[in-house]
Amino acid sequence: TLLLSLLTAAVPSAVAQSATSQSARGIGAGEAHTDYQMYARGLRIAHLEAGFDLGPVNYRMEVAYRTFGLVGFLFRGQQLSSVTGNWSGDNAAPSRYVGDGYWRGAIHRTILDYRNGRPTVREQTPTNAEDEREEVPDAMLPGAIDTLSAMTELMRMASATGKCELTVRTFDGRRL
């Protein structure tokens, strides 16, 4: 699709031009803020901002994303997602994930709470039934984490070992 083609073309450009504004705010030892302007063929198509704190006991991350320009005109959207959690050894153990977005004229909201390594959908708009999606079977959910927790775990691993070799099962409230 056009959006996939534009975003695929934008990734190398976004990485190359991400130095536009990348700074640390430094409240905690592991806290930082990044700001990326994404371009495709010289045109700005999206803005991504992330703040995170990877402490020794817990973590938090917030990511905001918004489309711009032609992509924004054709596929208007924005997303604000956040997660808080603790570390269980080297593994991320999320407590709560919240995702609020507005895509193609519709509000999207997902709230996941975690207890004993198991995600529970507390709120979801639209519901899977409204979106004509099958529910993920309960038996497949234990051990699954949200995508932001997976990113924090990968960042922590890369910082400690210099490697980006991580396998986790992610669940976004709709898909596993």
N, C-alpha and C. Protein backbone atom coordinates (compact mmCIF):
# COMPACT_ATOMS: atom_id res chain seq x y z
N THR A 1 0.84 -1.18 0.00
CA THR A 1 0.00 0.00 0.00
C THR A 1 0.88 1.24 0.00
N LEU A 2 0.26 2.38 -0.30
CA LEU A 2 0.98 3.64 -0.35
C LEU A 2 1.59 3.99 0.99
N LEU A 3 0.82 3.83 2.07
CA LEU A 3 1.34 4.17 3.40
C LEU A 3 2.54 3.30 3.75
N LEU A 4 2.46 2.00 3.51
CA LEU A 4 3.57 1.11 3.81
C LEU A 4 4.79 1.50 3.00
N SER A 5 4.61 1.82 1.72
CA SER A 5 5.73 2.23 0.87
C SER A 5 6.36 3.51 1.39
N LEU A 6 5.54 4.47 1.77
CA LEU A 6 6.07 5.74 2.29
C LEU A 6 6.81 5.54 3.59
N LEU A 7 6.24 4.74 4.49
CA LEU A 7 6.90 4.52 5.77
C LEU A 7 8.17 3.72 5.61
N THR A 8 8.18 2.74 4.71
CA THR A 8 9.39 1.96 4.46
C THR A 8 10.49 2.86 3.92
N ALA A 9 10.14 3.75 3.02
CA ALA A 9 11.12 4.68 2.46
C ALA A 9 11.56 5.69 3.52
N ALA A 10 10.70 5.96 4.51
CA ALA A 10 11.01 6.97 5.52
C ALA A 10 11.95 6.49 6.59
N VAL A 11 11.98 5.20 6.87
CA VAL A 11 12.78 4.71 8.00
C VAL A 11 14.25 5.09 7.88
N PRO A 12 14.95 4.80 6.77
CA PRO A 12 16.35 5.20 6.71
C PRO A 12 16.51 6.71 6.82
N SER A 13 15.58 7.46 6.21
CA SER A 13 15.64 8.91 6.27
C SER A 13 15.41 9.41 7.69
N ALA A 14 14.48 8.77 8.42
CA ALA A 14 14.20 9.18 9.79
C ALA A 14 15.41 8.96 10.66
N VAL A 15 16.08 7.84 10.47
CA VAL A 15 17.27 7.56 11.26
C VAL A 15 18.35 8.58 10.95
N ALA A 16 18.54 8.87 9.67
CA ALA A 16 19.58 9.80 9.27
C ALA A 16 19.29 11.21 9.75
N GLN A 17 18.00 11.58 9.83
CA GLN A 17 17.66 12.94 10.20
C GLN A 17 17.17 13.05 11.64
N SER A 18 17.30 12.01 12.43
CA SER A 18 16.81 12.05 13.80
C SER A 18 17.64 12.94 14.69
N ALA A 19 18.82 13.29 14.27
CA ALA A 19 19.66 14.16 15.07
C ALA A 19 19.08 15.56 15.17
N THR A 20 17.95 15.81 14.48
CA THR A 20 17.30 17.10 14.55
C THR A 20 17.15 17.56 15.99
N SER A 21 16.72 16.69 16.86
CA SER A 21 16.56 17.06 18.26
C SER A 21 16.57 15.80 19.10
N GLN A 22 17.70 15.45 19.64
CA GLN A 22 17.78 14.29 20.51
C GLN A 22 18.53 14.75 21.74
N SER A 23 17.82 14.81 22.88
CA SER A 23 18.43 15.35 24.08
C SER A 23 17.99 14.57 25.31
N ALA A 24 18.80 14.62 26.35
CA ALA A 24 18.46 13.99 27.62
C ALA A 24 18.00 15.07 28.58
N ARG A 25 16.93 14.82 29.30
CA ARG A 25 16.44 15.77 30.29
C ARG A 25 17.06 15.54 31.66
N GLY A 26 17.44 14.32 31.94
CA GLY A 26 18.22 14.02 33.13
C GLY A 26 17.57 14.18 34.48
N ILE A 27 16.32 13.80 34.68
CA ILE A 27 15.75 13.80 36.02
C ILE A 27 16.26 12.60 36.79
N GLY A 28 16.22 11.43 36.18
CA GLY A 28 16.76 10.21 36.76
C GLY A 28 17.95 9.77 35.94
N ALA A 29 18.74 8.88 36.49
CA ALA A 29 19.95 8.45 35.80
C ALA A 29 19.64 7.80 34.46
N GLY A 30 18.50 7.11 34.35
CA GLY A 30 18.17 6.42 33.11
C GLY A 30 17.12 7.12 32.30
N GLU A 31 16.80 8.39 32.60
CA GLU A 31 15.73 9.09 31.91
C GLU A 31 16.26 9.85 30.71
N ALA A 32 15.52 9.78 29.61
CA ALA A 32 15.91 10.49 28.41
C ALA A 32 14.67 10.82 27.59
N HIS A 33 14.86 11.70 26.64
CA HIS A 33 13.79 12.14 25.74
C HIS A 33 14.37 12.16 24.33
N THR A 34 13.64 11.59 23.38
CA THR A 34 14.07 11.63 21.99
C THR A 34 12.97 12.22 21.14
N ASP A 35 13.36 12.84 20.05
CA ASP A 35 12.42 13.53 19.18
C ASP A 35 12.85 13.27 17.74
N TYR A 36 12.00 12.64 16.93
CA TYR A 36 12.35 12.28 15.56
C TYR A 36 11.38 12.92 14.58
N GLN A 37 11.91 13.53 13.56
CA GLN A 37 11.13 14.00 12.43
C GLN A 37 11.36 12.97 11.33
N MET A 38 10.29 12.42 10.76
CA MET A 38 10.44 11.38 9.75
C MET A 38 10.12 11.96 8.37
N TYR A 39 10.98 11.62 7.41
CA TYR A 39 10.87 12.14 6.05
C TYR A 39 10.85 11.01 5.04
N ALA A 40 10.13 11.24 3.95
CA ALA A 40 10.14 10.33 2.80
C ALA A 40 10.34 11.20 1.56
N ARG A 41 11.39 10.91 0.84
CA ARG A 41 11.71 11.66 -0.38
C ARG A 41 11.75 13.17 -0.11
N GLY A 42 12.30 13.54 1.04
CA GLY A 42 12.46 14.95 1.38
C GLY A 42 11.25 15.61 1.99
N LEU A 43 10.15 14.90 2.10
CA LEU A 43 8.92 15.47 2.67
C LEU A 43 8.70 14.92 4.07
N ARG A 44 8.36 15.82 4.99
CA ARG A 44 8.07 15.40 6.36
C ARG A 44 6.75 14.64 6.39
N ILE A 45 6.77 13.43 6.94
CA ILE A 45 5.54 12.62 6.97
C ILE A 45 5.07 12.31 8.38
N ALA A 46 5.98 12.39 9.36
CA ALA A 46 5.56 12.03 10.72
C ALA A 46 6.52 12.63 11.74
N HIS A 47 6.02 12.71 12.95
CA HIS A 47 6.81 13.17 14.09
C HIS A 47 6.63 12.13 15.20
N LEU A 48 7.73 11.70 15.77
CA LEU A 48 7.71 10.72 16.85
C LEU A 48 8.51 11.28 18.01
N GLU A 49 7.93 11.23 19.19
CA GLU A 49 8.60 11.70 20.39
C GLU A 49 8.49 10.60 21.44
N ALA A 50 9.58 10.34 22.14
CA ALA A 50 9.56 9.30 23.17
C ALA A 50 10.30 9.79 24.41
N GLY A 51 9.73 9.48 25.55
CA GLY A 51 10.38 9.75 26.83
C GLY A 51 10.42 8.45 27.60
N PHE A 52 11.54 8.19 28.26
CA PHE A 52 11.63 6.93 28.99
C PHE A 52 12.55 7.08 30.18
N ASP A 53 12.32 6.22 31.16
CA ASP A 53 13.16 6.15 32.35
C ASP A 53 13.35 4.67 32.66
N LEU A 54 14.59 4.22 32.51
CA LEU A 54 14.91 2.82 32.78
C LEU A 54 15.69 2.76 34.09
N GLY A 55 14.97 2.70 35.18
CA GLY A 55 15.60 2.64 36.49
C GLY A 55 16.06 1.23 36.84
N PRO A 56 16.75 1.08 37.97
CA PRO A 56 17.23 -0.25 38.36
C PRO A 56 16.10 -1.19 38.82
N VAL A 57 14.99 -0.62 39.28
CA VAL A 57 13.88 -1.43 39.79
C VAL A 57 12.66 -1.38 38.88
N ASN A 58 12.42 -0.21 38.27
CA ASN A 58 11.23 -0.06 37.45
C ASN A 58 11.54 0.73 36.18
N TYR A 59 10.54 0.87 35.32
CA TYR A 59 10.69 1.59 34.08
C TYR A 59 9.38 2.26 33.71
N ARG A 60 9.50 3.25 32.84
CA ARG A 60 8.32 3.87 32.25
C ARG A 60 8.71 4.40 30.88
N MET A 61 7.75 4.43 29.99
CA MET A 61 7.99 4.95 28.65
C MET A 61 6.71 5.58 28.14
N GLU A 62 6.87 6.66 27.38
CA GLU A 62 5.75 7.32 26.73
C GLU A 62 6.19 7.64 25.30
N VAL A 63 5.33 7.32 24.34
CA VAL A 63 5.62 7.56 22.93
C VAL A 63 4.43 8.28 22.31
N ALA A 64 4.73 9.38 21.61
CA ALA A 64 3.70 10.13 20.88
C ALA A 64 4.09 10.12 19.40
N TYR A 65 3.12 9.87 18.53
CA TYR A 65 3.35 9.75 17.10
C TYR A 65 2.24 10.49 16.37
N ARG A 66 2.61 11.21 15.32
CA ARG A 66 1.61 11.94 14.56
C ARG A 66 2.03 12.03 13.10
N THR A 67 1.08 11.83 12.18
CA THR A 67 1.39 11.93 10.76
C THR A 67 1.29 13.40 10.32
N PHE A 68 2.05 13.73 9.26
CA PHE A 68 2.08 15.09 8.72
C PHE A 68 2.07 15.04 7.21
N GLY A 69 1.92 16.20 6.60
CA GLY A 69 2.05 16.35 5.16
C GLY A 69 1.08 15.48 4.39
N LEU A 70 1.54 14.96 3.25
CA LEU A 70 0.69 14.14 2.39
C LEU A 70 0.19 12.90 3.12
N VAL A 71 1.08 12.24 3.86
CA VAL A 71 0.66 11.06 4.63
C VAL A 71 -0.40 11.46 5.66
N GLY A 72 -0.19 12.61 6.32
CA GLY A 72 -1.17 13.10 7.28
C GLY A 72 -2.50 13.43 6.63
N PHE A 73 -2.45 13.93 5.41
CA PHE A 73 -3.68 14.24 4.68
C PHE A 73 -4.42 12.96 4.31
N LEU A 74 -3.67 11.97 3.81
CA LEU A 74 -4.29 10.72 3.37
C LEU A 74 -4.63 9.77 4.52
N PHE A 75 -3.76 9.74 5.53
CA PHE A 75 -3.92 8.81 6.65
C PHE A 75 -3.75 9.57 7.97
N ARG A 76 -4.65 10.51 8.23
CA ARG A 76 -4.54 11.34 9.42
C ARG A 76 -4.57 10.47 10.67
N GLY A 77 -3.59 10.71 11.53
CA GLY A 77 -3.58 9.94 12.75
C GLY A 77 -2.59 10.45 13.77
N GLN A 78 -2.86 10.09 15.00
CA GLN A 78 -1.96 10.39 16.09
C GLN A 78 -2.15 9.35 17.17
N GLN A 79 -1.10 9.11 17.93
CA GLN A 79 -1.12 8.07 18.97
C GLN A 79 -0.29 8.54 20.15
N LEU A 80 -0.78 8.32 21.34
CA LEU A 80 -0.03 8.54 22.57
C LEU A 80 -0.14 7.26 23.38
N SER A 81 0.99 6.62 23.63
CA SER A 81 1.01 5.36 24.37
C SER A 81 1.98 5.47 25.53
N SER A 82 1.65 4.83 26.64
CA SER A 82 2.54 4.86 27.80
C SER A 82 2.47 3.53 28.53
N VAL A 83 3.57 3.24 29.25
CA VAL A 83 3.63 2.01 30.03
C VAL A 83 4.44 2.28 31.29
N THR A 84 4.06 1.60 32.36
CA THR A 84 4.86 1.57 33.58
C THR A 84 5.03 0.10 33.95
N GLY A 85 6.16 -0.20 34.58
CA GLY A 85 6.39 -1.58 34.99
C GLY A 85 7.63 -1.70 35.86
N ASN A 86 7.91 -2.91 36.24
CA ASN A 86 9.07 -3.24 37.06
C ASN A 86 9.94 -4.22 36.30
N TRP A 87 11.16 -4.41 36.80
CA TRP A 87 12.04 -5.42 36.23
C TRP A 87 11.94 -6.70 37.05
N SER A 88 11.79 -7.81 36.38
CA SER A 88 11.82 -9.12 37.01
C SER A 88 13.08 -9.80 36.48
N GLY A 89 14.17 -9.60 37.20
CA GLY A 89 15.47 -10.02 36.67
C GLY A 89 15.80 -9.12 35.50
N ASP A 90 16.06 -9.71 34.33
CA ASP A 90 16.34 -8.93 33.12
C ASP A 90 15.10 -8.66 32.28
N ASN A 91 13.95 -9.18 32.73
CA ASN A 91 12.73 -9.09 31.94
C ASN A 91 11.81 -7.96 32.39
N ALA A 92 11.18 -7.31 31.41
CA ALA A 92 10.18 -6.29 31.69
C ALA A 92 8.92 -6.96 32.22
N ALA A 93 8.38 -6.41 33.30
CA ALA A 93 7.12 -6.90 33.88
C ALA A 93 6.18 -5.70 33.97
N PRO A 94 5.41 -5.45 32.90
CA PRO A 94 4.55 -4.27 32.88
C PRO A 94 3.47 -4.32 33.95
N SER A 95 3.08 -3.11 34.40
CA SER A 95 1.95 -2.97 35.33
C SER A 95 0.72 -2.48 34.59
N ARG A 96 0.93 -1.42 33.76
CA ARG A 96 -0.20 -0.84 33.02
C ARG A 96 0.30 -0.24 31.72
N TYR A 97 -0.46 -0.50 30.67
CA TYR A 97 -0.22 0.08 29.35
C TYR A 97 -1.48 0.85 28.96
N VAL A 98 -1.31 2.07 28.44
CA VAL A 98 -2.43 2.86 27.95
C VAL A 98 -2.07 3.36 26.55
N GLY A 99 -2.95 3.14 25.61
CA GLY A 99 -2.77 3.64 24.25
C GLY A 99 -4.00 4.42 23.83
N ASP A 100 -3.79 5.70 23.50
CA ASP A 100 -4.88 6.56 23.02
C ASP A 100 -4.51 7.07 21.65
N GLY A 101 -5.40 6.89 20.68
CA GLY A 101 -5.11 7.34 19.33
C GLY A 101 -6.35 7.79 18.60
N TYR A 102 -6.09 8.44 17.48
CA TYR A 102 -7.14 8.87 16.58
C TYR A 102 -6.66 8.55 15.17
N TRP A 103 -7.25 7.53 14.54
CA TRP A 103 -6.81 7.05 13.25
C TRP A 103 -7.98 6.94 12.29
N ARG A 104 -7.82 7.52 11.10
CA ARG A 104 -8.83 7.46 10.05
C ARG A 104 -10.22 7.84 10.56
N GLY A 105 -10.25 8.90 11.34
CA GLY A 105 -11.52 9.43 11.82
C GLY A 105 -12.14 8.73 13.01
N ALA A 106 -11.43 7.81 13.62
CA ALA A 106 -12.00 7.06 14.75
C ALA A 106 -11.07 7.08 15.95
N ILE A 107 -11.67 7.16 17.13
CA ILE A 107 -10.91 7.10 18.38
C ILE A 107 -10.54 5.65 18.66
N HIS A 108 -9.30 5.44 19.05
CA HIS A 108 -8.81 4.12 19.45
C HIS A 108 -8.25 4.24 20.85
N ARG A 109 -8.64 3.33 21.74
CA ARG A 109 -8.15 3.37 23.12
C ARG A 109 -7.97 1.94 23.61
N THR A 110 -6.83 1.70 24.23
CA THR A 110 -6.57 0.39 24.83
C THR A 110 -5.92 0.61 26.19
N ILE A 111 -6.47 -0.06 27.19
CA ILE A 111 -5.85 -0.07 28.52
C ILE A 111 -5.65 -1.53 28.90
N LEU A 112 -4.38 -1.87 29.19
CA LEU A 112 -4.03 -3.22 29.63
C LEU A 112 -3.47 -3.13 31.04
N ASP A 113 -3.98 -3.94 31.93
CA ASP A 113 -3.42 -4.10 33.26
C ASP A 113 -2.79 -5.48 33.33
N TYR A 114 -1.74 -5.60 34.11
CA TYR A 114 -1.02 -6.87 34.23
C TYR A 114 -1.03 -7.34 35.67
N ARG A 115 -1.26 -8.62 35.84
CA ARG A 115 -1.20 -9.24 37.16
C ARG A 115 -0.60 -10.63 36.99
N ASN A 116 0.45 -10.89 37.74
CA ASN A 116 1.13 -12.19 37.67
C ASN A 116 1.55 -12.57 36.24
N GLY A 117 2.07 -11.58 35.50
CA GLY A 117 2.56 -11.85 34.15
C GLY A 117 1.50 -12.08 33.10
N ARG A 118 0.28 -11.63 33.39
CA ARG A 118 -0.83 -11.86 32.47
C ARG A 118 -1.54 -10.54 32.15
N PRO A 119 -1.64 -10.20 30.86
CA PRO A 119 -2.35 -8.97 30.49
C PRO A 119 -3.87 -9.16 30.53
N THR A 120 -4.55 -8.12 31.01
CA THR A 120 -6.01 -8.10 31.01
C THR A 120 -6.46 -6.81 30.33
N VAL A 121 -7.32 -6.92 29.35
CA VAL A 121 -7.84 -5.75 28.66
C VAL A 121 -8.90 -5.11 29.56
N ARG A 122 -8.62 -3.88 30.02
CA ARG A 122 -9.56 -3.15 30.88
C ARG A 122 -10.50 -2.27 30.07
N GLU A 123 -9.96 -1.76 28.95
CA GLU A 123 -10.77 -0.92 28.08
C GLU A 123 -10.25 -1.04 26.66
N GLN A 124 -11.19 -1.07 25.69
CA GLN A 124 -10.79 -1.17 24.30
C GLN A 124 -11.85 -0.53 23.41
N THR A 125 -11.42 0.47 22.64
CA THR A 125 -12.31 1.16 21.69
C THR A 125 -11.57 1.27 20.37
N PRO A 126 -12.13 0.78 19.29
CA PRO A 126 -13.33 -0.05 19.23
C PRO A 126 -13.04 -1.44 19.79
N THR A 127 -14.09 -2.12 20.16
CA THR A 127 -13.93 -3.48 20.67
C THR A 127 -13.54 -4.41 19.52
N ASN A 128 -13.05 -5.57 19.85
CA ASN A 128 -12.73 -6.55 18.81
C ASN A 128 -13.98 -6.92 18.00
N ALA A 129 -15.12 -7.01 18.67
CA ALA A 129 -16.36 -7.34 17.97
C ALA A 129 -16.72 -6.23 16.97
N GLU A 130 -16.59 -4.96 17.39
CA GLU A 130 -16.87 -3.84 16.49
C GLU A 130 -15.90 -3.80 15.31
N ASP A 131 -14.69 -4.23 15.56
CA ASP A 131 -13.64 -4.23 14.54
C ASP A 131 -13.58 -5.54 13.76
N GLU A 132 -14.53 -6.43 14.04
CA GLU A 132 -14.63 -7.75 13.40
C GLU A 132 -13.33 -8.54 13.53
N ARG A 133 -12.79 -8.59 14.75
CA ARG A 133 -11.58 -9.35 15.06
C ARG A 133 -11.93 -10.43 16.06
N GLU A 134 -11.23 -11.56 15.95
CA GLU A 134 -11.38 -12.62 16.93
C GLU A 134 -10.59 -12.27 18.18
N GLU A 135 -11.10 -12.66 19.33
CA GLU A 135 -10.37 -12.47 20.58
C GLU A 135 -9.18 -13.41 20.62
N VAL A 136 -8.09 -12.98 21.24
CA VAL A 136 -6.94 -13.85 21.44
C VAL A 136 -7.32 -14.82 22.57
N PRO A 137 -7.14 -16.13 22.38
CA PRO A 137 -7.50 -17.09 23.42
C PRO A 137 -6.73 -16.81 24.73
N ASP A 138 -7.44 -16.89 25.85
CA ASP A 138 -6.84 -16.64 27.17
C ASP A 138 -5.60 -17.47 27.43
N ALA A 139 -5.58 -18.69 26.94
CA ALA A 139 -4.45 -19.59 27.19
C ALA A 139 -3.16 -19.08 26.55
N MET A 140 -3.27 -18.19 25.57
CA MET A 140 -2.08 -17.67 24.88
C MET A 140 -1.52 -16.40 25.52
N LEU A 141 -2.24 -15.81 26.48
CA LEU A 141 -1.85 -14.51 27.04
C LEU A 141 -0.76 -14.53 28.12
N PRO A 142 -0.66 -15.56 28.97
CA PRO A 142 0.37 -15.50 30.01
C PRO A 142 1.78 -15.29 29.43
N GLY A 143 2.49 -14.32 30.01
CA GLY A 143 3.84 -14.02 29.58
C GLY A 143 3.94 -12.99 28.47
N ALA A 144 2.82 -12.64 27.83
CA ALA A 144 2.84 -11.63 26.77
C ALA A 144 2.97 -10.24 27.39
N ILE A 145 3.73 -9.37 26.72
CA ILE A 145 3.90 -7.99 27.18
C ILE A 145 3.55 -7.04 26.05
N ASP A 146 3.33 -5.78 26.37
CA ASP A 146 3.03 -4.77 25.36
C ASP A 146 4.29 -4.39 24.59
N THR A 147 4.12 -3.71 23.48
CA THR A 147 5.26 -3.37 22.62
C THR A 147 6.21 -2.37 23.27
N LEU A 148 5.70 -1.44 24.08
CA LEU A 148 6.60 -0.48 24.74
C LEU A 148 7.47 -1.18 25.79
N SER A 149 6.90 -2.13 26.51
CA SER A 149 7.71 -2.90 27.47
C SER A 149 8.78 -3.70 26.74
N ALA A 150 8.42 -4.24 25.57
CA ALA A 150 9.41 -4.97 24.77
C ALA A 150 10.54 -4.03 24.35
N MET A 151 10.20 -2.80 23.98
CA MET A 151 11.23 -1.83 23.60
C MET A 151 12.12 -1.47 24.78
N THR A 152 11.54 -1.30 25.98
CA THR A 152 12.37 -0.97 27.14
C THR A 152 13.31 -2.12 27.47
N GLU A 153 12.80 -3.35 27.34
CA GLU A 153 13.64 -4.52 27.62
C GLU A 153 14.79 -4.59 26.60
N LEU A 154 14.50 -4.30 25.34
CA LEU A 154 15.54 -4.31 24.32
C LEU A 154 16.56 -3.19 24.58
N MET A 155 16.11 -2.01 24.94
CA MET A 155 17.03 -0.90 25.24
C MET A 155 17.92 -1.24 26.42
N ARG A 156 17.34 -1.84 27.44
CA ARG A 156 18.13 -2.22 28.62
C ARG A 156 19.17 -3.28 28.25
N MET A 157 18.76 -4.26 27.44
CA MET A 157 19.68 -5.31 27.01
C MET A 157 20.82 -4.71 26.18
N ALA A 158 20.48 -3.86 25.24
CA ALA A 158 21.50 -3.25 24.37
C ALA A 158 22.48 -2.42 25.19
N SER A 159 21.98 -1.73 26.20
CA SER A 159 22.85 -0.93 27.06
C SER A 159 23.80 -1.80 27.87
N ALA A 160 23.30 -2.92 28.34
CA ALA A 160 24.11 -3.80 29.20
C ALA A 160 25.06 -4.70 28.42
N THR A 161 24.63 -5.15 27.24
CA THR A 161 25.43 -6.15 26.52
C THR A 161 25.94 -5.70 25.16
N GLY A 162 25.37 -4.61 24.64
CA GLY A 162 25.72 -4.17 23.30
C GLY A 162 25.03 -4.97 22.22
N LYS A 163 24.13 -5.86 22.59
CA LYS A 163 23.44 -6.73 21.62
C LYS A 163 21.95 -6.38 21.56
N CYS A 164 21.38 -6.61 20.40
CA CYS A 164 19.94 -6.42 20.19
C CYS A 164 19.33 -7.75 19.78
N GLU A 165 19.41 -8.72 20.67
CA GLU A 165 18.90 -10.06 20.38
C GLU A 165 17.87 -10.42 21.44
N LEU A 166 16.64 -10.12 21.14
CA LEU A 166 15.58 -10.31 22.12
C LEU A 166 14.38 -10.97 21.45
N THR A 167 13.81 -11.94 22.12
CA THR A 167 12.58 -12.56 21.65
C THR A 167 11.56 -12.46 22.77
N VAL A 168 10.45 -11.78 22.50
CA VAL A 168 9.35 -11.68 23.46
C VAL A 168 8.03 -11.86 22.70
N ARG A 169 7.01 -12.22 23.42
CA ARG A 169 5.67 -12.32 22.84
C ARG A 169 4.93 -11.05 23.23
N THR A 170 4.44 -10.31 22.22
CA THR A 170 3.76 -9.05 22.51
C THR A 170 2.25 -9.18 22.27
N PHE A 171 1.51 -8.39 23.03
CA PHE A 171 0.05 -8.34 22.93
C PHE A 171 -0.37 -6.88 23.03
N ASP A 172 -1.10 -6.39 22.04
CA ASP A 172 -1.51 -4.99 22.03
C ASP A 172 -2.99 -4.80 22.39
N GLY A 173 -3.61 -5.84 22.91
CA GLY A 173 -5.03 -5.76 23.23
C GLY A 173 -5.91 -6.38 22.14
N ARG A 174 -5.33 -6.55 20.96
CA ARG A 174 -6.05 -7.12 19.83
C ARG A 174 -5.34 -8.33 19.24
N ARG A 175 -4.03 -8.19 19.07
CA ARG A 175 -3.24 -9.21 18.39
C ARG A 175 -2.12 -9.68 19.29
N LEU A 176 -1.75 -10.95 19.12
CA LEU A 176 -0.63 -11.53 19.84
C LEU A 176 0.53 -11.68 18.87
